[in-house]
Protein backbone atom coordinates (compact mmCIF):
# COMPACT_ATOMS: atom_id res chain seq x y z
CA MET A 1 144.66 81.42 106.82
CA LEU A 2 141.51 83.55 107.19
CA ASP A 3 140.13 83.24 110.71
CA LEU A 4 136.59 83.88 111.91
CA GLN A 5 137.37 87.29 113.37
CA GLN A 6 138.81 88.54 110.10
CA TYR A 7 135.77 87.20 108.25
CA LEU A 8 133.33 88.91 110.60
CA ALA A 9 135.29 92.15 110.58
CA LYS A 10 134.91 92.46 106.81
CA GLY A 11 131.12 92.33 107.06
CA GLN A 12 128.76 91.35 104.23
CA THR A 13 127.17 93.11 101.30
CA SER A 14 123.45 92.55 100.84
CA LEU A 15 122.05 92.61 97.31
CA SER A 16 118.62 91.67 95.98
CA ASN A 17 118.63 88.63 93.73
CA LEU A 18 116.58 90.68 91.27
CA VAL A 19 119.77 92.47 90.33
CA LEU A 20 121.67 89.22 89.81
CA ASP A 21 118.81 87.71 87.83
CA TYR A 22 118.18 90.63 85.48
CA TYR A 23 121.29 92.84 85.35
CA LYS A 24 122.07 91.62 81.83
CA LYS A 25 118.49 92.24 80.72
CA ILE A 26 118.66 95.92 81.68
CA GLY A 27 121.96 96.37 79.84
CA MET A 28 124.58 96.07 82.58
CA THR A 29 127.91 94.49 81.74
CA ASP A 30 129.80 92.24 84.14
CA ALA A 31 132.31 95.04 84.76
CA GLU A 32 129.51 97.49 85.57
CA LEU A 33 127.98 94.98 87.99
CA LEU A 34 131.30 94.73 89.82
CA VAL A 35 131.53 98.51 90.09
CA TYR A 36 127.94 98.62 91.39
CA LEU A 37 128.79 95.98 94.01
CA GLN A 38 131.79 97.99 95.15
CA LEU A 39 129.66 101.12 95.49
CA LEU A 40 127.05 99.11 97.39
CA LYS A 41 129.71 97.71 99.72
CA TYR A 42 130.97 101.15 100.64
CA GLN A 43 127.46 102.55 101.03
CA GLN A 44 126.44 99.78 103.43
CA LYS A 45 129.56 100.61 105.44
CA GLY A 46 128.48 104.25 105.66
CA ASN A 47 130.50 105.74 102.79
CA ALA A 48 127.95 106.90 100.21
CA PHE A 49 130.51 108.53 97.90
CA PRO A 50 133.79 106.56 97.91
CA GLU A 51 136.81 107.72 95.98
CA LEU A 52 137.04 106.08 92.58
CA SER A 53 140.70 105.30 93.26
CA LYS A 54 139.54 102.90 95.99
CA LEU A 55 137.16 101.19 93.56
CA ALA A 56 139.92 100.92 90.98
CA LYS A 57 142.28 99.39 93.54
CA ASN A 58 139.73 96.82 94.72
CA LEU A 59 138.84 95.84 91.16
CA ALA A 60 142.43 95.92 89.94
CA TYR A 61 141.27 98.26 87.18
CA PRO A 62 143.16 101.30 85.91
CA LEU A 63 141.53 104.46 87.28
CA GLU A 64 140.83 105.69 83.75
CA GLN A 65 138.72 102.56 83.21
CA VAL A 66 136.49 103.22 86.22
CA PHE A 67 135.36 106.69 85.12
CA PRO A 68 133.59 105.52 81.93
CA LEU A 69 131.99 102.63 83.85
CA ILE A 70 130.47 105.09 86.33
CA GLU A 71 129.29 107.31 83.47
CA SER A 72 127.75 104.29 81.75
CA LEU A 73 125.90 103.26 84.91
CA ILE A 74 124.47 106.76 85.17
CA ALA A 75 123.47 106.80 81.48
CA LYS A 76 121.71 103.42 81.86
CA LYS A 77 119.81 104.71 84.92
CA ILE A 78 121.42 102.19 87.24
CA ILE A 79 122.81 104.79 89.61
CA LYS A 80 122.51 108.54 90.07
CA ILE A 81 124.75 111.14 91.69
CA GLU A 82 122.72 113.38 93.99
CA THR A 83 123.62 116.25 96.28
CA VAL A 84 122.36 116.56 99.84
CA THR A 85 123.01 118.97 102.69
CA ASN A 86 124.60 117.41 105.77
CA LYS A 87 124.07 118.35 109.40
CA GLU A 88 126.76 120.98 109.16
CA GLY A 89 124.94 122.64 106.24
CA GLN A 90 127.54 121.52 103.73
CA ALA A 91 126.68 120.07 100.32
CA GLU A 92 127.67 116.44 99.85
CA ASP A 93 127.44 114.17 96.84
CA TRP A 94 126.28 110.56 97.13
CA TYR A 95 125.49 107.69 94.85
CA ASN A 96 121.80 106.80 94.75
CA LEU A 97 121.97 103.07 94.12
CA ASN A 98 118.21 102.48 94.33
CA VAL A 99 117.67 103.83 90.82
CA ILE A 100 118.39 100.33 89.53
CA TYR A 101 115.14 99.08 91.05
CA GLU A 102 113.14 101.68 89.14
CA THR A 103 114.80 100.49 85.94
CA LEU A 104 114.16 96.86 86.87
CA SER A 105 110.51 97.66 87.58
CA ILE A 106 110.06 99.24 84.14
CA TYR A 107 111.72 96.25 82.48
CA LEU A 108 109.57 93.71 84.35
CA GLU A 109 106.40 95.66 83.54
CA GLN A 110 107.35 95.60 79.86
CA VAL A 111 107.96 91.84 80.02
CA ALA A 112 104.60 91.27 81.72
CA LYS A 113 102.82 93.48 79.19
CA LYS A 114 104.45 91.66 76.28
CA LYS A 115 103.50 88.28 77.76
CA LYS A 116 99.91 89.41 78.26
CA THR A 117 99.74 90.64 74.66
CA GLN A 118 101.10 87.35 73.36
CA GLU A 119 98.61 85.37 75.45
CA SER A 120 95.77 87.57 74.21
CA GLU A 121 96.81 87.09 70.59
CA ALA A 122 96.99 83.32 71.11
CA THR A 123 93.51 83.32 72.69
CA VAL A 124 92.04 85.24 69.74
CA ALA A 125 93.74 82.88 67.28
CA ASP A 126 92.17 79.93 69.12
CA LEU A 127 88.79 81.67 68.90
CA PHE A 128 89.02 81.93 65.12
CA LYS A 129 90.04 78.27 64.93
CA SER A 130 87.02 77.29 67.04
CA PHE A 131 84.64 79.04 64.66
CA GLU A 132 86.22 77.41 61.63
CA SER A 133 86.12 74.01 63.33
CA GLU A 134 82.44 74.31 64.32
CA PHE A 135 81.36 75.78 60.97
CA GLY A 136 83.44 73.22 59.11
CA ARG A 137 84.98 75.76 56.76
CA ALA A 138 87.19 78.83 56.59
CA LEU A 139 85.55 82.04 57.72
CA SER A 140 84.83 84.79 55.25
CA PRO A 141 86.45 88.25 55.61
CA VAL A 142 83.07 89.62 56.75
CA GLN A 143 82.85 86.98 59.49
CA TYR A 144 86.39 87.76 60.64
CA GLU A 145 85.40 91.43 60.86
CA GLU A 146 82.30 90.48 62.87
CA ILE A 147 84.40 88.62 65.44
CA GLN A 148 86.86 91.53 65.60
CA LYS A 149 83.90 93.86 66.17
CA TRP A 150 82.70 91.71 69.08
CA LEU A 151 86.19 91.85 70.58
CA ASN A 152 87.22 95.44 69.94
CA GLU A 153 84.02 97.49 69.74
CA ASP A 154 81.59 95.53 71.89
CA GLN A 155 84.37 94.49 74.29
CA TYR A 156 83.15 90.91 74.63
CA SER A 157 85.85 88.63 76.02
CA PRO A 158 87.06 85.69 73.88
CA GLU A 159 85.74 83.40 76.62
CA ILE A 160 82.20 84.80 76.34
CA ILE A 161 82.25 84.56 72.54
CA GLN A 162 83.39 80.93 72.83
CA LEU A 163 80.41 80.21 75.11
CA ALA A 164 78.00 81.93 72.73
CA LEU A 165 79.38 79.83 69.87
CA ARG A 166 78.88 76.67 71.95
CA GLU A 167 75.31 77.72 72.79
CA ALA A 168 74.57 78.24 69.09
CA VAL A 169 76.08 74.87 68.14
CA LEU A 170 74.01 73.07 70.80
CA ASN A 171 70.92 74.63 69.24
CA GLN A 172 72.07 73.69 65.73
CA ALA A 173 72.12 77.38 64.79
CA TYR A 174 75.24 78.00 62.72
CA SER A 175 74.55 81.68 62.28
CA PHE A 176 76.52 84.76 63.25
CA THR A 177 73.22 86.60 63.69
CA TYR A 178 72.11 84.00 66.23
CA ILE A 179 75.41 84.25 68.10
CA ASP A 180 75.14 88.04 68.12
CA ARG A 181 71.67 87.79 69.67
CA ILE A 182 73.03 85.51 72.39
CA LEU A 183 75.79 87.97 73.17
CA LEU A 184 73.34 90.89 73.27
CA ASP A 185 71.02 88.94 75.57
CA TRP A 186 73.88 88.12 77.94
CA GLU A 187 75.01 91.74 77.87
CA ARG A 188 71.52 92.92 78.88
CA LYS A 189 71.62 90.43 81.74
CA ASN A 190 75.09 91.70 82.71
CA LEU A 191 76.71 88.30 82.17
CA LYS A 192 80.37 89.13 81.65
CA SER A 193 82.25 85.93 82.53
CA LYS A 194 82.04 82.18 82.13
CA GLN A 195 80.96 81.87 85.75
CA ASP A 196 78.16 84.42 85.22
CA VAL A 197 76.83 82.50 82.23
CA GLN A 198 77.05 79.16 84.02
CA ARG A 199 75.16 80.51 87.05
CA TYR A 200 72.48 81.99 84.82
CA GLN A 201 72.08 78.75 82.86
CA LYS A 202 71.90 76.73 86.08
CA VAL A 203 69.19 78.98 87.52
CA ARG A 204 67.23 78.80 84.25
CA GLN A 205 67.48 75.00 84.16
CA ASN A 206 66.37 74.73 87.81
CA LYS A 207 63.32 76.88 87.10
CA LYS A 208 62.50 74.73 84.09
CA ASN A 209 62.75 71.58 86.20
CA GLU A 210 60.50 73.09 88.88
CA VAL A 211 57.85 73.95 86.31
CA GLU A 212 57.91 70.42 84.92
CA GLU A 213 57.63 68.92 88.40
CA THR A 214 54.71 71.11 89.46
CA GLU A 215 52.63 70.72 86.33
CA GLU A 216 49.18 69.53 87.32
CA VAL A 217 48.55 65.92 86.42
CA LEU A 218 44.88 65.41 85.58
CA PRO A 219 43.34 62.40 87.34
CA HIS A 220 42.03 59.55 85.25
CA ILE A 221 38.21 59.51 85.34
CA PRO A 222 36.64 56.42 83.79
CA LEU A 223 33.58 57.00 81.65
CA TYR A 224 30.40 55.45 83.04
CA ASN A 225 28.46 53.38 80.55
CA TRP A 226 24.82 54.17 81.27
CA LEU A 227 23.61 51.60 78.75
CA ASP A 228 25.08 48.73 80.74
CA SER A 229 23.64 49.87 84.05
CA GLU A 230 20.99 47.72 85.66
């Protein structure tokens, strides 16, 4: 039976859960993961370049099976063999096992970029639907091009275009020219987000209310009837 001393003597191998979560996504096989874990175990014990015969023995693999697994890990940019000079001035090879995190980083960046692109495409699709819903009909090719121009050339965000559409609808102005004027006006005022527009509209409404409240009210002066005077 395994006692506590034996357990502690064997030590532990520390591995980021990123590897366990995404090793399949970056092309590693189960066998390659096991080889990587063996290399990591030896490295954390101070042996940065263990003999492949030891790996084969621990994995119960034929030695000729371990060689191609190592080569595959190198080809997939999971590990790298590097040469360093030790304290005695001798060249030594070692397995750089941190390469896997560079590969994971590239993969995760690609996933995030793809997700962002999908979200952007969905937002633009919703924008087109909003126009068709408010106008009560399908948009013409020219109108589609106008919206694409706002997005791609003028660099207006879908959110800002949605707000300009809403502003036009509130004013009963179902016109692309009117919406374009709103967008140009907001651009001149450097209103680039929903929050910017809302702050501007709030300030404008407050000023309007102040003007209405301070308008001079003329006093009522009754007309004197001189004919009825005594």
